[in-house]
Amino acid sequence: MTGKHHNWHRAWSRITPGRLRHESGAEFIIAQGDGYTDAQVSAETLSVLQAAEIARGVPLHDLKSRLTRLCREAIKWHQKNP
């Protein structure tokens, strides 16, 4: 049985090494640290993400948790697709 986030990985693509794009239009910058990986949304695409999520019907109060989940997904996708 598939869950709510089945095929989540299809929404991601690599633009350049260290930069990923989600199907919403948001771009994430991946930074490798000493023993950790960090993801940060690109400031110039934050408004694109917000507009796409609001168009999908995501309430404003849920945007922060959605952004946090997308950052975790970006890291997971980056680690599985080096």
C-alpha atoms as a PDB file:
ATOM      1  CA  MET A   1       0.000   0.000   0.000  1.00  0.00           C
ATOM      2  CA  THR A   2       1.307   3.442  -0.837  1.00  0.00           C
ATOM      3  CA  GLY A   3       1.294   6.393   1.502  1.00  0.00           C
ATOM      4  CA  LYS A   4       0.504  10.058   1.161  1.00  0.00           C
ATOM      5  CA  HIS A   5       3.987  10.991  -0.049  1.00  0.00           C
ATOM      6  CA  HIS A   6       4.470   8.111  -2.503  1.00  0.00           C
ATOM      7  CA  ASN A   7       6.835   9.082  -5.381  1.00  0.00           C
ATOM      8  CA  TRP A   8       7.956  12.257  -3.599  1.00  0.00           C
ATOM      9  CA  HIS A   9      11.355  11.909  -5.284  1.00  0.00           C
ATOM     10  CA  ARG A  10       9.897  12.612  -8.743  1.00  0.00           C
ATOM     11  CA  ALA A  11       9.329  16.236  -7.775  1.00  0.00           C
ATOM     12  CA  TRP A  12      13.092  16.927  -7.497  1.00  0.00           C
ATOM     13  CA  SER A  13      15.821  17.666 -10.032  1.00  0.00           C
ATOM     14  CA  ARG A  14      19.413  18.883  -9.876  1.00  0.00           C
ATOM     15  CA  ILE A  15      20.186  22.259 -11.465  1.00  0.00           C
ATOM     16  CA  THR A  16      23.879  22.451 -10.658  1.00  0.00           C
ATOM     17  CA  PRO A  17      26.051  20.609  -8.157  1.00  0.00           C
ATOM     18  CA  GLY A  18      24.790  21.768  -4.777  1.00  0.00           C
ATOM     19  CA  ARG A  19      21.496  23.217  -6.049  1.00  0.00           C
ATOM     20  CA  LEU A  20      18.173  21.377  -6.357  1.00  0.00           C
ATOM     21  CA  ARG A  21      14.800  22.428  -7.768  1.00  0.00           C
ATOM     22  CA  HIS A  22      11.424  21.254  -6.538  1.00  0.00           C
ATOM     23  CA  GLU A  23       8.482  21.059  -8.939  1.00  0.00           C
ATOM     24  CA  SER A  24       6.920  24.016  -7.101  1.00  0.00           C
ATOM     25  CA  GLY A  25       9.723  26.196  -8.493  1.00  0.00           C
ATOM     26  CA  ALA A  26      11.623  26.528  -5.227  1.00  0.00           C
ATOM     27  CA  GLU A  27      15.368  26.036  -5.389  1.00  0.00           C
ATOM     28  CA  PHE A  28      17.404  24.689  -2.507  1.00  0.00           C
ATOM     29  CA  ILE A  29      21.110  25.177  -1.863  1.00  0.00           C
ATOM     30  CA  ILE A  30      22.824  22.107  -0.433  1.00  0.00           C
ATOM     31  CA  ALA A  31      25.857  22.662   1.777  1.00  0.00           C
ATOM     32  CA  GLN A  32      28.084  19.822   2.960  1.00  0.00           C
ATOM     33  CA  GLY A  33      29.493  20.334   6.427  1.00  0.00           C
ATOM     34  CA  ASP A  34      31.817  18.256   8.537  1.00  0.00           C
ATOM     35  CA  GLY A  35      29.556  15.276   9.208  1.00  0.00           C
ATOM     36  CA  TYR A  36      26.265  16.886   8.186  1.00  0.00           C
ATOM     37  CA  THR A  37      24.330  18.134   5.168  1.00  0.00           C
ATOM     38  CA  ASP A  38      22.328  21.366   5.238  1.00  0.00           C
ATOM     39  CA  ALA A  39      19.607  22.621   2.874  1.00  0.00           C
ATOM     40  CA  GLN A  40      18.520  26.228   2.555  1.00  0.00           C
ATOM     41  CA  VAL A  41      15.841  27.636   0.285  1.00  0.00           C
ATOM     42  CA  SER A  42      17.116  30.192  -2.190  1.00  0.00           C
ATOM     43  CA  ALA A  43      15.778  33.636  -1.226  1.00  0.00           C
ATOM     44  CA  GLU A  44      14.863  34.572  -4.800  1.00  0.00           C
ATOM     45  CA  THR A  45      12.598  31.514  -5.167  1.00  0.00           C
ATOM     46  CA  LEU A  46      10.876  31.723  -1.801  1.00  0.00           C
ATOM     47  CA  SER A  47       8.023  33.811  -3.229  1.00  0.00           C
ATOM     48  CA  VAL A  48       7.586  31.250  -6.036  1.00  0.00           C
ATOM     49  CA  LEU A  49       7.223  28.487  -3.456  1.00  0.00           C
ATOM     50  CA  GLN A  50       4.762  30.533  -1.429  1.00  0.00           C
ATOM     51  CA  ALA A  51       2.602  31.284  -4.483  1.00  0.00           C
ATOM     52  CA  ALA A  52       2.608  27.629  -5.590  1.00  0.00           C
ATOM     53  CA  GLU A  53       1.651  26.367  -2.137  1.00  0.00           C
ATOM     54  CA  ILE A  54      -1.153  28.910  -1.721  1.00  0.00           C
ATOM     55  CA  ALA A  55      -2.454  27.946  -5.183  1.00  0.00           C
ATOM     56  CA  ARG A  56      -2.518  24.312  -3.998  1.00  0.00           C
ATOM     57  CA  GLY A  57      -4.691  25.369  -1.068  1.00  0.00           C
ATOM     58  CA  VAL A  58      -2.062  25.160   1.692  1.00  0.00           C
ATOM     59  CA  PRO A  59      -3.087  27.494   4.543  1.00  0.00           C
ATOM     60  CA  LEU A  60      -0.659  30.262   5.458  1.00  0.00           C
ATOM     61  CA  HIS A  61      -0.039  28.828   8.912  1.00  0.00           C
ATOM     62  CA  ASP A  62       1.191  25.549   7.342  1.00  0.00           C
ATOM     63  CA  LEU A  63       3.787  27.123   5.026  1.00  0.00           C
ATOM     64  CA  LYS A  64       6.571  26.921   7.608  1.00  0.00           C
ATOM     65  CA  SER A  65       6.083  23.200   8.219  1.00  0.00           C
ATOM     66  CA  ARG A  66       5.833  22.580   4.467  1.00  0.00           C
ATOM     67  CA  LEU A  67       9.119  24.433   3.909  1.00  0.00           C
ATOM     68  CA  THR A  68      10.776  22.433   6.679  1.00  0.00           C
ATOM     69  CA  ARG A  69       9.581  19.174   5.107  1.00  0.00           C
ATOM     70  CA  LEU A  70      10.868  20.259   1.688  1.00  0.00           C
ATOM     71  CA  CYS A  71      14.293  20.997   3.206  1.00  0.00           C
ATOM     72  CA  ARG A  72      14.390  17.484   4.678  1.00  0.00           C
ATOM     73  CA  GLU A  73      13.304  16.030   1.324  1.00  0.00           C
ATOM     74  CA  ALA A  74      16.019  18.007  -0.477  1.00  0.00           C
ATOM     75  CA  ILE A  75      18.693  16.564   1.801  1.00  0.00           C
ATOM     76  CA  LYS A  76      17.313  13.039   1.434  1.00  0.00           C
ATOM     77  CA  TRP A  77      17.106  13.343  -2.374  1.00  0.00           C
ATOM     78  CA  HIS A  78      20.639  14.781  -2.550  1.00  0.00           C
ATOM     79  CA  GLN A  79      22.038  11.895  -0.500  1.00  0.00           C
ATOM     80  CA  LYS A  80      20.314   9.270  -2.665  1.00  0.00           C
ATOM     81  CA  ASN A  81      21.300  10.993  -5.937  1.00  0.00           C
ATOM     82  CA  PRO A  82      24.911  12.174  -5.506  1.00  0.00           C
END
